[in-house]
Amino acid sequence: IEKAAQYIEDKYQAKGGDAKAFGGQKYQTLPEAERRAAFAKILPWLRG
């Protein structure tokens, strides 16, 4: 597992790391308070 993980991380960093992961970021994360408020509002409806 260590050998596999190190091989992946070396390649991952060589390709730009987190900044380039999954083709780069398209959207921005909402601040935590806004995220949790949005979740709280939508979750009961979605659960139904």
ModelCIF file with pLDDT and N, C-alpha, C, O atoms, coordinates in Angstrom:
data_MODEL
#
_entry.id   MODEL 
#
_entity.id                         1 
_entity.type                       polymer 
_entity.pdbx_number_of_molecules   1 
#
_entity_poly.entity_id                      1 
_entity_poly.type                           'polypeptide(L)' 
_entity_poly.nstd_linkage                   no 
_entity_poly.nstd_monomer                   no 
_entity_poly.pdbx_seq_one_letter_code       IEKAAQYIEDKYQAKGGDAKAFGGQKYQTLPEAERRAAFAKILPWLRG 
_entity_poly.pdbx_seq_one_letter_code_can   IEKAAQYIEDKYQAKGGDAKAFGGQKYQTLPEAERRAAFAKILPWLRG 
_entity_poly.pdbx_strand_id                 A 
#
loop_
_entity_poly_seq.entity_id 
_entity_poly_seq.num 
_entity_poly_seq.mon_id 
_entity_poly_seq.hetero 
1 1  ILE n 
1 2  GLU n 
1 3  LYS n 
1 4  ALA n 
1 5  ALA n 
1 6  GLN n 
1 7  TYR n 
1 8  ILE n 
1 9  GLU n 
1 10 ASP n 
1 11 LYS n 
1 12 TYR n 
1 13 GLN n 
1 14 ALA n 
1 15 LYS n 
1 16 GLY n 
1 17 GLY n 
1 18 ASP n 
1 19 ALA n 
1 20 LYS n 
1 21 ALA n 
1 22 PHE n 
1 23 GLY n 
1 24 GLY n 
1 25 GLN n 
1 26 LYS n 
1 27 TYR n 
1 28 GLN n 
1 29 THR n 
1 30 LEU n 
1 31 PRO n 
1 32 GLU n 
1 33 ALA n 
1 34 GLU n 
1 35 ARG n 
1 36 ARG n 
1 37 ALA n 
1 38 ALA n 
1 39 PHE n 
1 40 ALA n 
1 41 LYS n 
1 42 ILE n 
1 43 LEU n 
1 44 PRO n 
1 45 TRP n 
1 46 LEU n 
1 47 ARG n 
1 48 GLY n 
#
_struct_asym.id          A 
_struct_asym.entity_id   1 
#
loop_
_ma_qa_metric.id 
_ma_qa_metric.mode 
_ma_qa_metric.name 
_ma_qa_metric.software_group_id 
_ma_qa_metric.type 
1 global pLDDT . pLDDT 
2 local  pLDDT . pLDDT 
#
_ma_qa_metric_global.metric_id      1 
_ma_qa_metric_global.metric_value   96.92 
_ma_qa_metric_global.model_id       1 
_ma_qa_metric_global.ordinal_id     1 
#
loop_
_ma_qa_metric_local.label_asym_id 
_ma_qa_metric_local.label_comp_id 
_ma_qa_metric_local.label_seq_id 
_ma_qa_metric_local.metric_id 
_ma_qa_metric_local.metric_value 
_ma_qa_metric_local.model_id 
_ma_qa_metric_local.ordinal_id 
A ILE 1  2 97.00 1 1  
A GLU 2  2 97.00 1 2  
A LYS 3  2 97.00 1 3  
A ALA 4  2 98.00 1 4  
A ALA 5  2 97.00 1 5  
A GLN 6  2 97.00 1 6  
A TYR 7  2 98.00 1 7  
A ILE 8  2 98.00 1 8  
A GLU 9  2 97.00 1 9  
A ASP 10 2 97.00 1 10 
A LYS 11 2 97.00 1 11 
A TYR 12 2 96.00 1 12 
A GLN 13 2 97.00 1 13 
A ALA 14 2 96.00 1 14 
A LYS 15 2 95.00 1 15 
A GLY 16 2 95.00 1 16 
A GLY 17 2 95.00 1 17 
A ASP 18 2 94.00 1 18 
A ALA 19 2 94.00 1 19 
A LYS 20 2 95.00 1 20 
A ALA 21 2 96.00 1 21 
A PHE 22 2 97.00 1 22 
A GLY 23 2 96.00 1 23 
A GLY 24 2 97.00 1 24 
A GLN 25 2 96.00 1 25 
A LYS 26 2 97.00 1 26 
A TYR 27 2 98.00 1 27 
A GLN 28 2 97.00 1 28 
A THR 29 2 98.00 1 29 
A LEU 30 2 98.00 1 30 
A PRO 31 2 97.00 1 31 
A GLU 32 2 97.00 1 32 
A ALA 33 2 97.00 1 33 
A GLU 34 2 97.00 1 34 
A ARG 35 2 97.00 1 35 
A ARG 36 2 97.00 1 36 
A ALA 37 2 97.00 1 37 
A ALA 38 2 97.00 1 38 
A PHE 39 2 98.00 1 39 
A ALA 40 2 98.00 1 40 
A LYS 41 2 97.00 1 41 
A ILE 42 2 98.00 1 42 
A LEU 43 2 98.00 1 43 
A PRO 44 2 98.00 1 44 
A TRP 45 2 98.00 1 45 
A LEU 46 2 98.00 1 46 
A ARG 47 2 98.00 1 47 
A GLY 48 2 98.00 1 48 
#
loop_
_atom_site.group_PDB 
_atom_site.id 
_atom_site.type_symbol 
_atom_site.label_atom_id 
_atom_site.label_alt_id 
_atom_site.label_comp_id 
_atom_site.label_asym_id 
_atom_site.label_entity_id 
_atom_site.label_seq_id 
_atom_site.pdbx_PDB_ins_code 
_atom_site.Cartn_x 
_atom_site.Cartn_y 
_atom_site.Cartn_z 
_atom_site.occupancy 
_atom_site.B_iso_or_equiv 
_atom_site.pdbx_formal_charge 
_atom_site.auth_seq_id 
_atom_site.auth_comp_id 
_atom_site.auth_asym_id 
_atom_site.auth_atom_id 
_atom_site.pdbx_PDB_model_num 
ATOM 1   N N  . ILE A 1 1  ? 0.839   -1.205 0.000   1.00 97.00 ? 1  ILE A N  1 
ATOM 2   C CA . ILE A 1 1  ? 0.000   0.000  0.000   1.00 97.00 ? 1  ILE A CA 1 
ATOM 3   C C  . ILE A 1 1  ? 0.870   1.249  0.000   1.00 97.00 ? 1  ILE A C  1 
ATOM 4   O O  . ILE A 1 1  ? 0.576   2.214  -0.706  1.00 97.00 ? 1  ILE A O  1 
ATOM 5   N N  . GLU A 1 2  ? 1.930   1.234  0.782   1.00 97.00 ? 2  GLU A N  1 
ATOM 6   C CA . GLU A 1 2  ? 2.846   2.383  0.857   1.00 97.00 ? 2  GLU A CA 1 
ATOM 7   C C  . GLU A 1 2  ? 3.456   2.675  -0.512  1.00 97.00 ? 2  GLU A C  1 
ATOM 8   O O  . GLU A 1 2  ? 3.534   3.830  -0.931  1.00 97.00 ? 2  GLU A O  1 
ATOM 9   N N  . LYS A 1 3  ? 3.885   1.629  -1.199  1.00 97.00 ? 3  LYS A N  1 
ATOM 10  C CA . LYS A 1 3  ? 4.513   1.813  -2.505  1.00 97.00 ? 3  LYS A CA 1 
ATOM 11  C C  . LYS A 1 3  ? 3.516   2.395  -3.505  1.00 97.00 ? 3  LYS A C  1 
ATOM 12  O O  . LYS A 1 3  ? 3.853   3.292  -4.278  1.00 97.00 ? 3  LYS A O  1 
ATOM 13  N N  . ALA A 1 4  ? 2.288   1.879  -3.481  1.00 98.00 ? 4  ALA A N  1 
ATOM 14  C CA . ALA A 1 4  ? 1.251   2.391  -4.387  1.00 98.00 ? 4  ALA A CA 1 
ATOM 15  C C  . ALA A 1 4  ? 0.926   3.843  -4.080  1.00 98.00 ? 4  ALA A C  1 
ATOM 16  O O  . ALA A 1 4  ? 0.824   4.668  -4.988  1.00 98.00 ? 4  ALA A O  1 
ATOM 17  N N  . ALA A 1 5  ? 0.763   4.158  -2.792  1.00 97.00 ? 5  ALA A N  1 
ATOM 18  C CA . ALA A 1 5  ? 0.396   5.520  -2.388  1.00 97.00 ? 5  ALA A CA 1 
ATOM 19  C C  . ALA A 1 5  ? 1.487   6.512  -2.758  1.00 97.00 ? 5  ALA A C  1 
ATOM 20  O O  . ALA A 1 5  ? 1.195   7.616  -3.218  1.00 97.00 ? 5  ALA A O  1 
ATOM 21  N N  . GLN A 1 6  ? 2.749   6.125  -2.557  1.00 97.00 ? 6  GLN A N  1 
ATOM 22  C CA . GLN A 1 6  ? 3.844   7.045  -2.871  1.00 97.00 ? 6  GLN A CA 1 
ATOM 23  C C  . GLN A 1 6  ? 3.944   7.281  -4.375  1.00 97.00 ? 6  GLN A C  1 
ATOM 24  O O  . GLN A 1 6  ? 4.211   8.401  -4.810  1.00 97.00 ? 6  GLN A O  1 
ATOM 25  N N  . TYR A 1 7  ? 3.737   6.250  -5.159  1.00 98.00 ? 7  TYR A N  1 
ATOM 26  C CA . TYR A 1 7  ? 3.761   6.387  -6.619  1.00 98.00 ? 7  TYR A CA 1 
ATOM 27  C C  . TYR A 1 7  ? 2.673   7.364  -7.069  1.00 98.00 ? 7  TYR A C  1 
ATOM 28  O O  . TYR A 1 7  ? 2.914   8.233  -7.907  1.00 98.00 ? 7  TYR A O  1 
ATOM 29  N N  . ILE A 1 8  ? 1.480   7.211  -6.503  1.00 98.00 ? 8  ILE A N  1 
ATOM 30  C CA . ILE A 1 8  ? 0.370   8.092  -6.868  1.00 98.00 ? 8  ILE A CA 1 
ATOM 31  C C  . ILE A 1 8  ? 0.660   9.526  -6.474  1.00 98.00 ? 8  ILE A C  1 
ATOM 32  O O  . ILE A 1 8  ? 0.438   10.446 -7.261  1.00 98.00 ? 8  ILE A O  1 
ATOM 33  N N  . GLU A 1 9  ? 1.158   9.725  -5.253  1.00 97.00 ? 9  GLU A N  1 
ATOM 34  C CA . GLU A 1 9  ? 1.406   11.092 -4.787  1.00 97.00 ? 9  GLU A CA 1 
ATOM 35  C C  . GLU A 1 9  ? 2.478   11.777 -5.624  1.00 97.00 ? 9  GLU A C  1 
ATOM 36  O O  . GLU A 1 9  ? 2.375   12.971 -5.907  1.00 97.00 ? 9  GLU A O  1 
ATOM 37  N N  . ASP A 1 10 ? 3.497   11.039 -6.019  1.00 97.00 ? 10 ASP A N  1 
ATOM 38  C CA . ASP A 1 10 ? 4.540   11.624 -6.870  1.00 97.00 ? 10 ASP A CA 1 
ATOM 39  C C  . ASP A 1 10 ? 3.951   12.084 -8.204  1.00 97.00 ? 10 ASP A C  1 
ATOM 40  O O  . ASP A 1 10 ? 4.254   13.182 -8.671  1.00 97.00 ? 10 ASP A O  1 
ATOM 41  N N  . LYS A 1 11 ? 3.123   11.258 -8.809  1.00 97.00 ? 11 LYS A N  1 
ATOM 42  C CA . LYS A 1 11 ? 2.491   11.608 -10.080 1.00 97.00 ? 11 LYS A CA 1 
ATOM 43  C C  . LYS A 1 11 ? 1.495   12.761 -9.899  1.00 97.00 ? 11 LYS A C  1 
ATOM 44  O O  . LYS A 1 11 ? 1.392   13.659 -10.734 1.00 97.00 ? 11 LYS A O  1 
ATOM 45  N N  . TYR A 1 12 ? 0.774   12.702 -8.790  1.00 96.00 ? 12 TYR A N  1 
ATOM 46  C CA . TYR A 1 12 ? -0.246  13.717 -8.500  1.00 96.00 ? 12 TYR A CA 1 
ATOM 47  C C  . TYR A 1 12 ? 0.387   15.099 -8.368  1.00 96.00 ? 12 TYR A C  1 
ATOM 48  O O  . TYR A 1 12 ? -0.096  16.075 -8.942  1.00 96.00 ? 12 TYR A O  1 
ATOM 49  N N  . GLN A 1 13 ? 1.462   15.164 -7.611  1.00 97.00 ? 13 GLN A N  1 
ATOM 50  C CA . GLN A 1 13 ? 2.143   16.453 -7.434  1.00 97.00 ? 13 GLN A CA 1 
ATOM 51  C C  . GLN A 1 13 ? 2.770   16.932 -8.735  1.00 97.00 ? 13 GLN A C  1 
ATOM 52  O O  . GLN A 1 13 ? 2.788   18.129 -9.025  1.00 97.00 ? 13 GLN A O  1 
ATOM 53  N N  . ALA A 1 14 ? 3.278   15.995 -9.507  1.00 96.00 ? 14 ALA A N  1 
ATOM 54  C CA . ALA A 1 14 ? 3.885   16.367 -10.787 1.00 96.00 ? 14 ALA A CA 1 
ATOM 55  C C  . ALA A 1 14 ? 2.861   16.962 -11.747 1.00 96.00 ? 14 ALA A C  1 
ATOM 56  O O  . ALA A 1 14 ? 3.212   17.742 -12.632 1.00 96.00 ? 14 ALA A O  1 
ATOM 57  N N  . LYS A 1 15 ? 1.582   16.587 -11.569 1.00 95.00 ? 15 LYS A N  1 
ATOM 58  C CA . LYS A 1 15 ? 0.510   17.102 -12.423 1.00 95.00 ? 15 LYS A CA 1 
ATOM 59  C C  . LYS A 1 15 ? -0.129  18.373 -11.869 1.00 95.00 ? 15 LYS A C  1 
ATOM 60  O O  . LYS A 1 15 ? -1.096  18.880 -12.438 1.00 95.00 ? 15 LYS A O  1 
ATOM 61  N N  . GLY A 1 16 ? 0.402   18.888 -10.768 1.00 95.00 ? 16 GLY A N  1 
ATOM 62  C CA . GLY A 1 16 ? -0.118  20.141 -10.229 1.00 95.00 ? 16 GLY A CA 1 
ATOM 63  C C  . GLY A 1 16 ? -0.822  20.033 -8.902  1.00 95.00 ? 16 GLY A C  1 
ATOM 64  O O  . GLY A 1 16 ? -1.272  21.044 -8.363  1.00 95.00 ? 16 GLY A O  1 
ATOM 65  N N  . GLY A 1 17 ? -0.934  18.823 -8.351  1.00 95.00 ? 17 GLY A N  1 
ATOM 66  C CA . GLY A 1 17 ? -1.513  18.646 -7.024  1.00 95.00 ? 17 GLY A CA 1 
ATOM 67  C C  . GLY A 1 17 ? -2.977  19.053 -6.943  1.00 95.00 ? 17 GLY A C  1 
ATOM 68  O O  . GLY A 1 17 ? -3.726  18.925 -7.911  1.00 95.00 ? 17 GLY A O  1 
ATOM 69  N N  . ASP A 1 18 ? -3.373  19.547 -5.766  1.00 94.00 ? 18 ASP A N  1 
ATOM 70  C CA . ASP A 1 18 ? -4.781  19.876 -5.520  1.00 94.00 ? 18 ASP A CA 1 
ATOM 71  C C  . ASP A 1 18 ? -5.320  20.921 -6.497  1.00 94.00 ? 18 ASP A C  1 
ATOM 72  O O  . ASP A 1 18 ? -6.488  20.875 -6.883  1.00 94.00 ? 18 ASP A O  1 
ATOM 73  N N  . ALA A 1 19 ? -4.472  21.853 -6.889  1.00 94.00 ? 19 ALA A N  1 
ATOM 74  C CA . ALA A 1 19 ? -4.934  22.937 -7.767  1.00 94.00 ? 19 ALA A CA 1 
ATOM 75  C C  . ALA A 1 19 ? -5.411  22.411 -9.122  1.00 94.00 ? 19 ALA A C  1 
ATOM 76  O O  . ALA A 1 19 ? -6.281  23.009 -9.755  1.00 94.00 ? 19 ALA A O  1 
ATOM 77  N N  . LYS A 1 20 ? -4.841  21.301 -9.557  1.00 95.00 ? 20 LYS A N  1 
ATOM 78  C CA . LYS A 1 20 ? -5.198  20.745 -10.868 1.00 95.00 ? 20 LYS A CA 1 
ATOM 79  C C  . LYS A 1 20 ? -6.039  19.468 -10.759 1.00 95.00 ? 20 LYS A C  1 
ATOM 80  O O  . LYS A 1 20 ? -6.411  18.876 -11.773 1.00 95.00 ? 20 LYS A O  1 
ATOM 81  N N  . ALA A 1 21 ? -6.332  19.053 -9.536  1.00 96.00 ? 21 ALA A N  1 
ATOM 82  C CA . ALA A 1 21 ? -7.062  17.806 -9.336  1.00 96.00 ? 21 ALA A CA 1 
ATOM 83  C C  . ALA A 1 21 ? -8.428  17.852 -10.006 1.00 96.00 ? 21 ALA A C  1 
ATOM 84  O O  . ALA A 1 21 ? -9.110  18.876 -9.967  1.00 96.00 ? 21 ALA A O  1 
ATOM 85  N N  . PHE A 1 22 ? -8.819  16.758 -10.611 1.00 97.00 ? 22 PHE A N  1 
ATOM 86  C CA . PHE A 1 22 ? -10.126 16.625 -11.258 1.00 97.00 ? 22 PHE A CA 1 
ATOM 87  C C  . PHE A 1 22 ? -10.390 17.753 -12.259 1.00 97.00 ? 22 PHE A C  1 
ATOM 88  O O  . PHE A 1 22 ? -11.517 18.231 -12.387 1.00 97.00 ? 22 PHE A O  1 
ATOM 89  N N  . GLY A 1 23 ? -9.347  18.166 -12.958 1.00 96.00 ? 23 GLY A N  1 
ATOM 90  C CA . GLY A 1 23 ? -9.509  19.195 -13.984 1.00 96.00 ? 23 GLY A CA 1 
ATOM 91  C C  . GLY A 1 23 ? -9.569  20.608 -13.444 1.00 96.00 ? 23 GLY A C  1 
ATOM 92  O O  . GLY A 1 23 ? -9.897  21.536 -14.183 1.00 96.00 ? 23 GLY A O  1 
ATOM 93  N N  . GLY A 1 24 ? -9.257  20.793 -12.162 1.00 97.00 ? 24 GLY A N  1 
ATOM 94  C CA . GLY A 1 24 ? -9.295  22.119 -11.554 1.00 97.00 ? 24 GLY A CA 1 
ATOM 95  C C  . GLY A 1 24 ? -10.685 22.485 -11.050 1.00 97.00 ? 24 GLY A C  1 
ATOM 96  O O  . GLY A 1 24 ? -11.670 21.812 -11.351 1.00 97.00 ? 24 GLY A O  1 
ATOM 97  N N  . GLN A 1 25 ? -10.741 23.559 -10.281 1.00 96.00 ? 25 GLN A N  1 
ATOM 98  C CA . GLN A 1 25 ? -11.988 23.970 -9.642  1.00 96.00 ? 25 GLN A CA 1 
ATOM 99  C C  . GLN A 1 25 ? -12.878 24.779 -10.590 1.00 96.00 ? 25 GLN A C  1 
ATOM 100 O O  . GLN A 1 25 ? -12.426 25.724 -11.237 1.00 96.00 ? 25 GLN A O  1 
ATOM 101 N N  . LYS A 1 26 ? -14.144 24.385 -10.653 1.00 97.00 ? 26 LYS A N  1 
ATOM 102 C CA . LYS A 1 26 ? -15.141 25.106 -11.446 1.00 97.00 ? 26 LYS A CA 1 
ATOM 103 C C  . LYS A 1 26 ? -15.981 26.023 -10.555 1.00 97.00 ? 26 LYS A C  1 
ATOM 104 O O  . LYS A 1 26 ? -16.374 27.116 -10.965 1.00 97.00 ? 26 LYS A O  1 
ATOM 105 N N  . TYR A 1 27 ? -16.247 25.565 -9.343  1.00 98.00 ? 27 TYR A N  1 
ATOM 106 C CA . TYR A 1 27 ? -17.058 26.331 -8.391  1.00 98.00 ? 27 TYR A CA 1 
ATOM 107 C C  . TYR A 1 27 ? -16.274 26.550 -7.103  1.00 98.00 ? 27 TYR A C  1 
ATOM 108 O O  . TYR A 1 27 ? -15.284 25.868 -6.836  1.00 98.00 ? 27 TYR A O  1 
ATOM 109 N N  . GLN A 1 28 ? -16.734 27.511 -6.313  1.00 97.00 ? 28 GLN A N  1 
ATOM 110 C CA . GLN A 1 28 ? -16.092 27.824 -5.041  1.00 97.00 ? 28 GLN A CA 1 
ATOM 111 C C  . GLN A 1 28 ? -16.957 27.327 -3.885  1.00 97.00 ? 28 GLN A C  1 
ATOM 112 O O  . GLN A 1 28 ? -18.186 27.335 -3.952  1.00 97.00 ? 28 GLN A O  1 
ATOM 113 N N  . THR A 1 29 ? -16.287 26.902 -2.841  1.00 98.00 ? 29 THR A N  1 
ATOM 114 C CA . THR A 1 29 ? -16.983 26.431 -1.639  1.00 98.00 ? 29 THR A CA 1 
ATOM 115 C C  . THR A 1 29 ? -17.640 27.596 -0.916  1.00 98.00 ? 29 THR A C  1 
ATOM 116 O O  . THR A 1 29 ? -17.039 28.660 -0.767  1.00 98.00 ? 29 THR A O  1 
ATOM 117 N N  . LEU A 1 30 ? -18.868 27.397 -0.470  1.00 98.00 ? 30 LEU A N  1 
ATOM 118 C CA . LEU A 1 30 ? -19.518 28.405 0.367   1.00 98.00 ? 30 LEU A CA 1 
ATOM 119 C C  . LEU A 1 30 ? -18.909 28.387 1.759   1.00 98.00 ? 30 LEU A C  1 
ATOM 120 O O  . LEU A 1 30 ? -18.448 27.336 2.204   1.00 98.00 ? 30 LEU A O  1 
ATOM 121 N N  . PRO A 1 31 ? -18.890 29.515 2.465   1.00 97.00 ? 31 PRO A N  1 
ATOM 122 C CA . PRO A 1 31 ? -18.388 29.526 3.847   1.00 97.00 ? 31 PRO A CA 1 
ATOM 123 C C  . PRO A 1 31 ? -19.156 28.520 4.705   1.00 97.00 ? 31 PRO A C  1 
ATOM 124 O O  . PRO A 1 31 ? -20.305 28.199 4.403   1.00 97.00 ? 31 PRO A O  1 
ATOM 125 N N  . GLU A 1 32 ? -18.535 28.026 5.761   1.00 97.00 ? 32 GLU A N  1 
ATOM 126 C CA . GLU A 1 32 ? -19.119 26.943 6.555   1.00 97.00 ? 32 GLU A CA 1 
ATOM 127 C C  . GLU A 1 32 ? -20.516 27.280 7.064   1.00 97.00 ? 32 GLU A C  1 
ATOM 128 O O  . GLU A 1 32 ? -21.421 26.452 6.960   1.00 97.00 ? 32 GLU A O  1 
ATOM 129 N N  . ALA A 1 33 ? -20.706 28.463 7.603   1.00 97.00 ? 33 ALA A N  1 
ATOM 130 C CA . ALA A 1 33 ? -22.018 28.825 8.142   1.00 97.00 ? 33 ALA A CA 1 
ATOM 131 C C  . ALA A 1 33 ? -23.081 28.801 7.047   1.00 97.00 ? 33 ALA A C  1 
ATOM 132 O O  . ALA A 1 33 ? -24.204 28.351 7.280   1.00 97.00 ? 33 ALA A O  1 
ATOM 133 N N  . GLU A 1 34 ? -22.733 29.279 5.863   1.00 97.00 ? 34 GLU A N  1 
ATOM 134 C CA . GLU A 1 34 ? -23.686 29.268 4.746   1.00 97.00 ? 34 GLU A CA 1 
ATOM 135 C C  . GLU A 1 34 ? -23.965 27.845 4.273   1.00 97.00 ? 34 GLU A C  1 
ATOM 136 O O  . GLU A 1 34 ? -25.101 27.502 3.943   1.00 97.00 ? 34 GLU A O  1 
ATOM 137 N N  . ARG A 1 35 ? -22.909 27.013 4.242   1.00 97.00 ? 35 ARG A N  1 
ATOM 138 C CA . ARG A 1 35 ? -23.092 25.611 3.835   1.00 97.00 ? 35 ARG A CA 1 
ATOM 139 C C  . ARG A 1 35 ? -24.066 24.905 4.766   1.00 97.00 ? 35 ARG A C  1 
ATOM 140 O O  . ARG A 1 35 ? -25.020 24.265 4.325   1.00 97.00 ? 35 ARG A O  1 
ATOM 141 N N  . ARG A 1 36 ? -23.808 25.034 6.053   1.00 97.00 ? 36 ARG A N  1 
ATOM 142 C CA . ARG A 1 36 ? -24.637 24.315 7.023   1.00 97.00 ? 36 ARG A CA 1 
ATOM 143 C C  . ARG A 1 36 ? -26.074 24.836 6.991   1.00 97.00 ? 36 ARG A C  1 
ATOM 144 O O  . ARG A 1 36 ? -27.018 24.059 7.135   1.00 97.00 ? 36 ARG A O  1 
ATOM 145 N N  . ALA A 1 37 ? -26.244 26.142 6.803   1.00 97.00 ? 37 ALA A N  1 
ATOM 146 C CA . ALA A 1 37 ? -27.597 26.702 6.723   1.00 97.00 ? 37 ALA A CA 1 
ATOM 147 C C  . ALA A 1 37 ? -28.318 26.173 5.485   1.00 97.00 ? 37 ALA A C  1 
ATOM 148 O O  . ALA A 1 37 ? -29.504 25.850 5.543   1.00 97.00 ? 37 ALA A O  1 
ATOM 149 N N  . ALA A 1 38 ? -27.600 26.085 4.370   1.00 97.00 ? 38 ALA A N  1 
ATOM 150 C CA . ALA A 1 38 ? -28.204 25.565 3.137   1.00 97.00 ? 38 ALA A CA 1 
ATOM 151 C C  . ALA A 1 38 ? -28.564 24.090 3.286   1.00 97.00 ? 38 ALA A C  1 
ATOM 152 O O  . ALA A 1 38 ? -29.632 23.656 2.855   1.00 97.00 ? 38 ALA A O  1 
ATOM 153 N N  . PHE A 1 39 ? -27.667 23.328 3.898   1.00 98.00 ? 39 PHE A N  1 
ATOM 154 C CA . PHE A 1 39 ? -27.955 21.916 4.152   1.00 98.00 ? 39 PHE A CA 1 
ATOM 155 C C  . PHE A 1 39 ? -29.206 21.775 5.021   1.00 98.00 ? 39 PHE A C  1 
ATOM 156 O O  . PHE A 1 39 ? -30.102 20.991 4.707   1.00 98.00 ? 39 PHE A O  1 
ATOM 157 N N  . ALA A 1 40 ? -29.260 22.547 6.124   1.00 98.00 ? 40 ALA A N  1 
ATOM 158 C CA . ALA A 1 40 ? -30.379 22.438 7.061   1.00 98.00 ? 40 ALA A CA 1 
ATOM 159 C C  . ALA A 1 40 ? -31.701 22.759 6.374   1.00 98.00 ? 40 ALA A C  1 
ATOM 160 O O  . ALA A 1 40 ? -32.737 22.182 6.705   1.00 98.00 ? 40 ALA A O  1 
ATOM 161 N N  . LYS A 1 41 ? -31.661 23.673 5.425   1.00 97.00 ? 41 LYS A N  1 
ATOM 162 C CA . LYS A 1 41 ? -32.886 24.078 4.738   1.00 97.00 ? 41 LYS A CA 1 
ATOM 163 C C  . LYS A 1 41 ? -33.350 23.033 3.737   1.00 97.00 ? 41 LYS A C  1 
ATOM 164 O O  . LYS A 1 41 ? -34.550 22.799 3.595   1.00 97.00 ? 41 LYS A O  1 
ATOM 165 N N  . ILE A 1 42 ? -32.413 22.406 3.043   1.00 98.00 ? 42 ILE A N  1 
ATOM 166 C CA . ILE A 1 42 ? -32.796 21.501 1.956   1.00 98.00 ? 42 ILE A CA 1 
ATOM 167 C C  . ILE A 1 42 ? -32.962 20.056 2.408   1.00 98.00 ? 42 ILE A C  1 
ATOM 168 O O  . ILE A 1 42 ? -33.701 19.299 1.779   1.00 98.00 ? 42 ILE A O  1 
ATOM 169 N N  . LEU A 1 43 ? -32.283 19.654 3.495   1.00 98.00 ? 43 LEU A N  1 
ATOM 170 C CA . LEU A 1 43 ? -32.236 18.239 3.871   1.00 98.00 ? 43 LEU A CA 1 
ATOM 171 C C  . LEU A 1 43 ? -33.600 17.621 4.181   1.00 98.00 ? 43 LEU A C  1 
ATOM 172 O O  . LEU A 1 43 ? -33.887 16.542 3.661   1.00 98.00 ? 43 LEU A O  1 
ATOM 173 N N  . PRO A 1 44 ? -34.466 18.247 5.005   1.00 98.00 ? 44 PRO A N  1 
ATOM 174 C CA . PRO A 1 44 ? -35.757 17.594 5.278   1.00 98.00 ? 44 PRO A CA 1 
ATOM 175 C C  . PRO A 1 44 ? -36.574 17.356 4.009   1.00 98.00 ? 44 PRO A C  1 
ATOM 176 O O  . PRO A 1 44 ? -37.176 16.295 3.846   1.00 98.00 ? 44 PRO A O  1 
ATOM 177 N N  . TRP A 1 45 ? -36.594 18.338 3.117   1.00 98.00 ? 45 TRP A N  1 
ATOM 178 C CA . TRP A 1 45 ? -37.312 18.153 1.847   1.00 98.00 ? 45 TRP A CA 1 
ATOM 179 C C  . TRP A 1 45 ? -36.700 16.999 1.059   1.00 98.00 ? 45 TRP A C  1 
ATOM 180 O O  . TRP A 1 45 ? -37.420 16.151 0.530   1.00 98.00 ? 45 TRP A O  1 
ATOM 181 N N  . LEU A 1 46 ? -35.384 16.968 0.983   1.00 98.00 ? 46 LEU A N  1 
ATOM 182 C CA . LEU A 1 46 ? -34.710 15.921 0.222   1.00 98.00 ? 46 LEU A CA 1 
ATOM 183 C C  . LEU A 1 46 ? -34.944 14.559 0.865   1.00 98.00 ? 46 LEU A C  1 
ATOM 184 O O  . LEU A 1 46 ? -35.124 13.560 0.169   1.00 98.00 ? 46 LEU A O  1 
ATOM 185 N N  . ARG A 1 47 ? -34.940 14.522 2.192   1.00 98.00 ? 47 ARG A N  1 
ATOM 186 C CA . ARG A 1 47 ? -35.219 13.252 2.877   1.00 98.00 ? 47 ARG A CA 1 
ATOM 187 C C  . ARG A 1 47 ? -36.609 12.739 2.499   1.00 98.00 ? 47 ARG A C  1 
ATOM 188 O O  . ARG A 1 47 ? -36.797 11.546 2.259   1.00 98.00 ? 47 ARG A O  1 
ATOM 189 N N  . GLY A 1 48 ? -37.564 13.642 2.450   1.00 98.00 ? 48 GLY A N  1 
ATOM 190 C CA . GLY A 1 48 ? -38.909 13.236 2.045   1.00 98.00 ? 48 GLY A CA 1 
ATOM 191 C C  . GLY A 1 48 ? -38.932 12.687 0.634   1.00 98.00 ? 48 GLY A C  1 
ATOM 192 O O  . GLY A 1 48 ? -39.990 12.299 0.140   1.00 98.00 ? 48 GLY A O  1 
#
